[in-house]
């Protein structure tokens, strides 16, 4: 089983390298499109061909199940990031922790426990000692 581990790690590293290469190529095209004179992007170097291994089974232990496939267009990723920001904003309300109501609840709980204790002691005294 230990001999398969380096191969899986190598495959994962090669996949990550391929993703980075694709991202750099996309950045180069975006820079070229944004450049008004049409000159090649600065520091643009052709990347060597990358051997991309066959895709691993879905949700393998060494992969991130939330990662996009390398063929996902930037628009899909941008839409997914926008939706993720909406979900985070929806669930990150700051009114969940209210110190005033927390303090009030603790005081009421302390009073209730004290009254219960006093009632228990008074009941025990009146029941057993009278």
N, C-alpha and C. Protein backbone atom coordinates (compact mmCIF):
# COMPACT_ATOMS: atom_id res chain seq x y z
N UNK A 1 0.82 -1.19 0.00
CA UNK A 1 0.00 0.00 0.00
C UNK A 1 0.87 1.25 0.00
N UNK A 2 2.04 1.20 0.60
CA UNK A 2 2.91 2.36 0.64
C UNK A 2 3.48 2.70 -0.72
N UNK A 3 3.59 1.74 -1.61
CA UNK A 3 4.15 2.03 -2.93
C UNK A 3 3.18 2.82 -3.80
N UNK A 4 1.87 2.73 -3.53
CA UNK A 4 0.88 3.46 -4.32
C UNK A 4 0.80 4.92 -3.89
N UNK A 5 1.21 5.23 -2.68
CA UNK A 5 1.09 6.58 -2.15
C UNK A 5 1.89 7.61 -2.94
N UNK A 6 3.18 7.38 -3.26
CA UNK A 6 3.92 8.38 -4.04
C UNK A 6 3.31 8.60 -5.42
N UNK A 7 2.77 7.55 -6.03
CA UNK A 7 2.16 7.70 -7.34
C UNK A 7 0.92 8.59 -7.25
N UNK A 8 0.12 8.42 -6.22
CA UNK A 8 -1.06 9.26 -6.04
C UNK A 8 -0.65 10.71 -5.79
N UNK A 9 0.39 10.88 -5.00
CA UNK A 9 0.88 12.24 -4.71
C UNK A 9 1.42 12.88 -5.99
N UNK A 10 2.16 12.12 -6.77
CA UNK A 10 2.68 12.64 -8.03
C UNK A 10 1.54 13.03 -8.97
N UNK A 11 0.52 12.19 -9.06
CA UNK A 11 -0.63 12.51 -9.90
C UNK A 11 -1.31 13.79 -9.44
N UNK A 12 -1.46 13.94 -8.12
CA UNK A 12 -2.11 15.14 -7.59
C UNK A 12 -1.26 16.37 -7.89
N UNK A 13 0.04 16.26 -7.72
CA UNK A 13 0.93 17.39 -8.00
C UNK A 13 0.91 17.76 -9.48
N UNK A 14 0.88 16.75 -10.35
CA UNK A 14 0.82 17.03 -11.79
C UNK A 14 -0.50 17.69 -12.17
N UNK A 15 -1.59 17.28 -11.54
CA UNK A 15 -2.89 17.91 -11.80
C UNK A 15 -2.86 19.38 -11.36
N UNK A 16 -2.27 19.62 -10.19
CA UNK A 16 -2.18 21.00 -9.71
C UNK A 16 -1.32 21.85 -10.64
N UNK A 17 -0.22 21.28 -11.14
CA UNK A 17 0.64 21.99 -12.06
C UNK A 17 -0.10 22.32 -13.35
N UNK A 18 -0.90 21.37 -13.84
CA UNK A 18 -1.68 21.61 -15.05
C UNK A 18 -2.69 22.73 -14.82
N UNK A 19 -3.32 22.73 -13.65
CA UNK A 19 -4.28 23.79 -13.34
C UNK A 19 -3.60 25.16 -13.31
N UNK A 20 -2.43 25.22 -12.71
CA UNK A 20 -1.71 26.49 -12.64
C UNK A 20 -1.30 26.94 -14.04
N UNK A 21 -0.86 26.00 -14.87
CA UNK A 21 -0.47 26.34 -16.24
C UNK A 21 -1.66 26.88 -17.02
N UNK A 22 -2.82 26.24 -16.85
CA UNK A 22 -4.01 26.72 -17.54
C UNK A 22 -4.40 28.11 -17.05
N UNK A 23 -4.27 28.33 -15.75
CA UNK A 23 -4.61 29.64 -15.20
C UNK A 23 -3.65 30.71 -15.74
N UNK A 24 -2.36 30.39 -15.81
CA UNK A 24 -1.40 31.34 -16.35
C UNK A 24 -1.68 31.64 -17.82
N UNK A 25 -2.07 30.62 -18.58
CA UNK A 25 -2.40 30.85 -19.98
C UNK A 25 -3.62 31.76 -20.10
N UNK A 26 -4.61 31.56 -19.24
CA UNK A 26 -5.79 32.41 -19.25
C UNK A 26 -5.41 33.85 -18.89
N UNK A 27 -4.54 34.01 -17.86
CA UNK A 27 -4.09 35.35 -17.49
C UNK A 27 -3.36 36.02 -18.64
N UNK A 28 -2.53 35.27 -19.36
CA UNK A 28 -1.82 35.84 -20.51
C UNK A 28 -2.79 36.34 -21.57
N UNK A 29 -3.84 35.59 -21.83
CA UNK A 29 -4.81 36.03 -22.84
C UNK A 29 -5.59 37.25 -22.35
N UNK A 30 -5.91 37.29 -21.08
CA UNK A 30 -6.62 38.46 -20.54
C UNK A 30 -5.74 39.70 -20.56
N UNK A 31 -4.46 39.54 -20.24
CA UNK A 31 -3.54 40.67 -20.28
C UNK A 31 -3.38 41.16 -21.72
N UNK A 32 -3.27 40.23 -22.65
CA UNK A 32 -3.14 40.61 -24.05
C UNK A 32 -4.40 41.32 -24.54
N UNK A 33 -5.56 40.88 -24.10
CA UNK A 33 -6.81 41.52 -24.50
C UNK A 33 -6.93 42.92 -23.90
N UNK A 34 -6.43 43.10 -22.68
CA UNK A 34 -6.51 44.39 -22.02
C UNK A 34 -5.45 45.36 -22.53
N UNK A 35 -4.39 44.83 -23.10
CA UNK A 35 -3.31 45.66 -23.61
C UNK A 35 -3.78 46.34 -24.90
N UNK A 36 -3.75 47.65 -24.93
CA UNK A 36 -4.32 48.38 -26.06
C UNK A 36 -3.49 48.27 -27.33
N UNK A 37 -2.17 48.12 -27.22
CA UNK A 37 -1.36 48.08 -28.44
C UNK A 37 -1.19 46.67 -28.99
N UNK A 38 -1.73 45.66 -28.33
CA UNK A 38 -1.70 44.30 -28.85
C UNK A 38 -0.35 43.61 -28.69
N UNK A 39 0.57 44.20 -27.95
CA UNK A 39 1.87 43.57 -27.73
C UNK A 39 1.70 42.37 -26.80
N UNK A 40 2.62 41.43 -26.87
CA UNK A 40 2.49 40.28 -25.98
C UNK A 40 2.63 40.72 -24.52
N UNK A 41 2.02 39.97 -23.63
CA UNK A 41 2.06 40.36 -22.22
C UNK A 41 3.49 40.33 -21.68
N UNK A 42 3.80 41.20 -20.76
CA UNK A 42 5.15 41.19 -20.20
C UNK A 42 5.41 39.88 -19.43
N UNK A 43 6.64 39.43 -19.52
CA UNK A 43 7.07 38.21 -18.84
C UNK A 43 6.31 36.97 -19.28
N UNK A 44 5.76 37.01 -20.48
CA UNK A 44 5.03 35.84 -20.97
C UNK A 44 6.03 34.85 -21.53
N UNK A 45 6.07 33.69 -20.96
CA UNK A 45 6.96 32.64 -21.44
C UNK A 45 6.11 31.42 -21.75
N UNK A 46 6.42 30.76 -22.86
CA UNK A 46 5.64 29.56 -23.15
C UNK A 46 5.91 28.48 -22.11
N UNK A 47 4.85 27.87 -21.66
CA UNK A 47 5.01 26.83 -20.66
C UNK A 47 5.27 25.50 -21.36
N UNK A 48 6.09 24.66 -20.75
CA UNK A 48 6.37 23.36 -21.35
C UNK A 48 5.11 22.49 -21.31
N UNK A 49 5.01 21.54 -22.23
CA UNK A 49 3.85 20.66 -22.20
C UNK A 49 3.79 19.89 -20.89
N UNK A 50 2.60 19.75 -20.38
CA UNK A 50 2.40 19.09 -19.09
C UNK A 50 1.65 17.79 -19.32
N UNK A 51 2.18 16.73 -18.73
CA UNK A 51 1.50 15.45 -18.81
C UNK A 51 0.40 15.45 -17.76
N UNK A 52 -0.83 15.39 -18.22
CA UNK A 52 -1.96 15.37 -17.31
C UNK A 52 -2.43 13.93 -17.20
N UNK A 53 -2.37 13.37 -16.00
CA UNK A 53 -2.79 11.98 -15.84
C UNK A 53 -4.30 11.85 -15.98
N UNK A 54 -4.73 10.64 -16.13
CA UNK A 54 -6.17 10.37 -16.22
C UNK A 54 -6.84 10.86 -14.94
N UNK A 55 -8.05 11.37 -15.06
CA UNK A 55 -8.71 11.89 -13.85
C UNK A 55 -8.96 10.77 -12.84
N UNK A 56 -8.78 11.13 -11.60
CA UNK A 56 -9.00 10.18 -10.52
C UNK A 56 -10.51 10.06 -10.28
N UNK A 57 -10.93 9.04 -9.56
CA UNK A 57 -12.36 8.92 -9.24
C UNK A 57 -12.83 10.15 -8.46
N UNK A 58 -14.11 10.46 -8.61
CA UNK A 58 -14.66 11.63 -7.94
C UNK A 58 -14.52 11.51 -6.44
N UNK A 59 -14.19 12.63 -5.82
CA UNK A 59 -14.06 12.74 -4.36
C UNK A 59 -13.02 11.78 -3.81
N UNK A 60 -11.88 11.68 -4.49
CA UNK A 60 -10.79 10.87 -3.96
C UNK A 60 -10.25 11.56 -2.71
N UNK A 61 -9.56 10.83 -1.88
CA UNK A 61 -9.11 11.34 -0.59
C UNK A 61 -8.13 12.50 -0.75
N UNK A 62 -7.36 12.52 -1.83
CA UNK A 62 -6.34 13.55 -1.99
C UNK A 62 -6.82 14.75 -2.79
N UNK A 63 -8.07 14.80 -3.18
CA UNK A 63 -8.59 15.91 -3.96
C UNK A 63 -9.53 16.76 -3.13
N UNK A 64 -9.68 17.96 -3.57
CA UNK A 64 -10.63 18.87 -2.94
C UNK A 64 -11.96 18.72 -3.68
N UNK A 65 -13.02 18.23 -3.02
CA UNK A 65 -14.29 18.01 -3.73
C UNK A 65 -14.96 19.31 -4.16
N UNK A 66 -14.53 20.45 -3.60
CA UNK A 66 -15.15 21.72 -3.97
C UNK A 66 -14.41 22.40 -5.11
N UNK A 67 -13.29 21.84 -5.57
CA UNK A 67 -12.52 22.46 -6.64
C UNK A 67 -13.24 22.30 -7.97
N UNK A 68 -13.10 23.30 -8.82
CA UNK A 68 -13.70 23.24 -10.15
C UNK A 68 -12.83 22.38 -11.05
N UNK A 69 -13.43 21.73 -12.01
CA UNK A 69 -12.61 20.99 -12.97
C UNK A 69 -11.77 21.97 -13.79
N UNK A 70 -10.64 21.52 -14.31
CA UNK A 70 -9.77 22.45 -15.03
C UNK A 70 -10.42 23.05 -16.26
N UNK A 71 -11.49 22.45 -16.77
CA UNK A 71 -12.13 22.96 -17.97
C UNK A 71 -13.22 23.98 -17.67
N UNK A 72 -13.44 24.32 -16.40
CA UNK A 72 -14.49 25.27 -16.05
C UNK A 72 -14.11 26.66 -16.55
N UNK A 73 -14.99 27.31 -17.30
CA UNK A 73 -14.67 28.65 -17.80
C UNK A 73 -14.68 29.66 -16.66
N UNK A 74 -13.95 30.76 -16.83
CA UNK A 74 -13.88 31.77 -15.77
C UNK A 74 -15.25 32.34 -15.40
N UNK A 75 -16.19 32.38 -16.36
CA UNK A 75 -17.51 32.93 -16.05
C UNK A 75 -18.24 32.05 -15.03
N UNK A 76 -18.09 30.73 -15.18
CA UNK A 76 -18.74 29.80 -14.24
C UNK A 76 -18.13 29.97 -12.86
N UNK A 77 -16.82 30.10 -12.82
CA UNK A 77 -16.15 30.28 -11.53
C UNK A 77 -16.56 31.60 -10.90
N UNK A 78 -16.68 32.66 -11.70
CA UNK A 78 -17.10 33.96 -11.16
C UNK A 78 -18.52 33.89 -10.62
N UNK A 79 -19.42 33.20 -11.35
CA UNK A 79 -20.80 33.06 -10.86
C UNK A 79 -20.85 32.26 -9.57
N UNK A 80 -20.05 31.21 -9.49
CA UNK A 80 -20.03 30.39 -8.28
C UNK A 80 -19.46 31.18 -7.11
N UNK A 81 -18.43 31.99 -7.35
CA UNK A 81 -17.87 32.81 -6.28
C UNK A 81 -18.87 33.87 -5.83
N UNK A 82 -19.62 34.44 -6.76
CA UNK A 82 -20.64 35.43 -6.39
C UNK A 82 -21.74 34.79 -5.54
N UNK A 83 -22.15 33.59 -5.93
CA UNK A 83 -23.18 32.87 -5.14
C UNK A 83 -22.65 32.52 -3.76
N UNK A 84 -21.38 32.12 -3.69
CA UNK A 84 -20.78 31.80 -2.39
C UNK A 84 -20.75 33.03 -1.51
N UNK A 85 -20.42 34.19 -2.08
CA UNK A 85 -20.43 35.43 -1.30
C UNK A 85 -21.82 35.76 -0.80
N UNK A 86 -22.85 35.52 -1.63
CA UNK A 86 -24.23 35.75 -1.20
C UNK A 86 -24.59 34.86 -0.02
N UNK A 87 -24.22 33.59 -0.11
CA UNK A 87 -24.53 32.64 0.97
C UNK A 87 -23.82 33.04 2.25
N UNK A 88 -22.56 33.43 2.14
CA UNK A 88 -21.80 33.85 3.33
C UNK A 88 -22.43 35.09 3.94
N UNK A 89 -22.82 36.06 3.11
CA UNK A 89 -23.45 37.28 3.64
C UNK A 89 -24.79 36.96 4.28
N UNK A 90 -25.52 36.01 3.72
CA UNK A 90 -26.84 35.65 4.26
C UNK A 90 -26.72 35.01 5.64
N UNK A 91 -25.69 34.22 5.85
CA UNK A 91 -25.56 33.48 7.11
C UNK A 91 -24.63 34.14 8.11
N UNK A 92 -24.08 35.27 7.78
CA UNK A 92 -23.16 35.90 8.72
C UNK A 92 -23.76 37.14 9.34
N UNK A 93 -24.96 37.01 9.85
CA UNK A 93 -25.58 38.15 10.50
C UNK A 93 -24.94 38.36 11.86
N UNK A 94 -24.78 39.60 12.23
CA UNK A 94 -24.09 39.91 13.47
C UNK A 94 -25.03 39.97 14.67
N UNK A 95 -26.33 39.84 14.48
CA UNK A 95 -27.26 39.94 15.60
C UNK A 95 -27.45 38.60 16.33
N UNK A 96 -26.70 37.60 15.96
CA UNK A 96 -26.82 36.31 16.66
C UNK A 96 -26.30 36.41 18.08
N UNK A 97 -25.24 37.16 18.30
CA UNK A 97 -24.67 37.30 19.63
C UNK A 97 -25.00 38.68 20.14
N UNK A 98 -25.92 38.72 21.09
CA UNK A 98 -26.31 39.97 21.70
C UNK A 98 -25.88 39.92 23.15
N UNK A 99 -24.86 40.68 23.55
CA UNK A 99 -24.36 40.59 24.93
C UNK A 99 -25.39 40.95 25.98
N UNK A 100 -26.29 41.86 25.67
CA UNK A 100 -27.30 42.28 26.66
C UNK A 100 -28.26 41.14 26.96
N UNK A 101 -28.77 40.49 25.93
CA UNK A 101 -29.70 39.39 26.17
C UNK A 101 -28.99 38.18 26.78
N UNK A 102 -27.72 37.99 26.45
CA UNK A 102 -26.96 36.90 27.06
C UNK A 102 -26.79 37.15 28.55
N UNK A 103 -26.45 38.38 28.92
CA UNK A 103 -26.29 38.72 30.33
C UNK A 103 -27.62 38.57 31.07
N UNK A 104 -28.71 39.02 30.46
CA UNK A 104 -30.03 38.91 31.09
C UNK A 104 -30.39 37.43 31.30
N UNK A 105 -30.11 36.60 30.31
CA UNK A 105 -30.40 35.18 30.43
C UNK A 105 -29.59 34.52 31.54
N UNK A 106 -28.32 34.89 31.67
CA UNK A 106 -27.50 34.32 32.75
C UNK A 106 -28.01 34.74 34.13
N UNK A 107 -28.40 35.99 34.24
CA UNK A 107 -28.93 36.47 35.53
C UNK A 107 -30.23 35.74 35.87
N UNK A 108 -31.14 35.60 34.89
CA UNK A 108 -32.40 34.89 35.14
C UNK A 108 -32.15 33.43 35.50
N UNK A 109 -31.18 32.80 34.85
CA UNK A 109 -30.85 31.42 35.17
C UNK A 109 -30.29 31.30 36.59
N UNK A 110 -29.44 32.23 36.99
CA UNK A 110 -28.89 32.22 38.34
C UNK A 110 -29.99 32.41 39.38
N UNK A 111 -30.93 33.31 39.10
CA UNK A 111 -32.05 33.52 40.04
C UNK A 111 -32.91 32.27 40.13
N UNK A 112 -33.20 31.63 38.97
CA UNK A 112 -34.02 30.42 38.98
C UNK A 112 -33.34 29.30 39.76
N UNK A 113 -32.05 29.11 39.57
CA UNK A 113 -31.33 28.05 40.29
C UNK A 113 -31.29 28.36 41.78
N UNK A 114 -31.09 29.62 42.13
CA UNK A 114 -31.08 30.01 43.55
C UNK A 114 -32.45 29.77 44.19
N UNK A 115 -33.52 30.16 43.50
CA UNK A 115 -34.86 29.92 44.04
C UNK A 115 -35.14 28.43 44.19
N UNK A 116 -34.70 27.65 43.23
CA UNK A 116 -34.90 26.20 43.33
C UNK A 116 -34.13 25.62 44.52
N UNK A 117 -32.92 26.11 44.72
CA UNK A 117 -32.13 25.64 45.86
C UNK A 117 -32.76 26.03 47.19
N UNK A 118 -33.20 27.29 47.29
CA UNK A 118 -33.84 27.75 48.53
C UNK A 118 -35.13 26.96 48.77
N UNK A 119 -35.91 26.73 47.73
CA UNK A 119 -37.14 25.96 47.87
C UNK A 119 -36.84 24.54 48.32
N UNK A 120 -35.79 23.94 47.78
CA UNK A 120 -35.42 22.58 48.18
C UNK A 120 -34.98 22.51 49.63
N UNK A 121 -34.18 23.47 50.05
CA UNK A 121 -33.72 23.48 51.45
C UNK A 121 -34.89 23.75 52.39
N UNK A 122 -35.74 24.70 52.05
CA UNK A 122 -36.90 25.01 52.89
C UNK A 122 -37.85 23.81 52.94
N UNK A 123 -38.06 23.16 51.79
CA UNK A 123 -38.93 21.99 51.77
C UNK A 123 -38.36 20.85 52.61
N UNK A 124 -37.06 20.63 52.51
CA UNK A 124 -36.43 19.56 53.32
C UNK A 124 -36.55 19.88 54.80
N UNK A 125 -36.37 21.12 55.18
CA UNK A 125 -36.48 21.50 56.58
C UNK A 125 -37.90 21.30 57.10
N UNK A 126 -38.88 21.76 56.32
CA UNK A 126 -40.25 21.64 56.78
C UNK A 126 -40.75 20.18 56.76
N UNK A 127 -40.24 19.38 55.83
CA UNK A 127 -40.71 18.00 55.73
C UNK A 127 -40.03 17.08 56.75
N UNK A 128 -38.71 17.20 56.94
CA UNK A 128 -38.00 16.25 57.81
C UNK A 128 -37.78 16.76 59.23
N UNK A 129 -37.67 18.04 59.44
CA UNK A 129 -37.28 18.51 60.74
C UNK A 129 -38.43 19.14 61.53
N UNK A 130 -39.62 19.12 61.08
CA UNK A 130 -40.73 19.69 61.84
C UNK A 130 -41.70 18.68 62.25
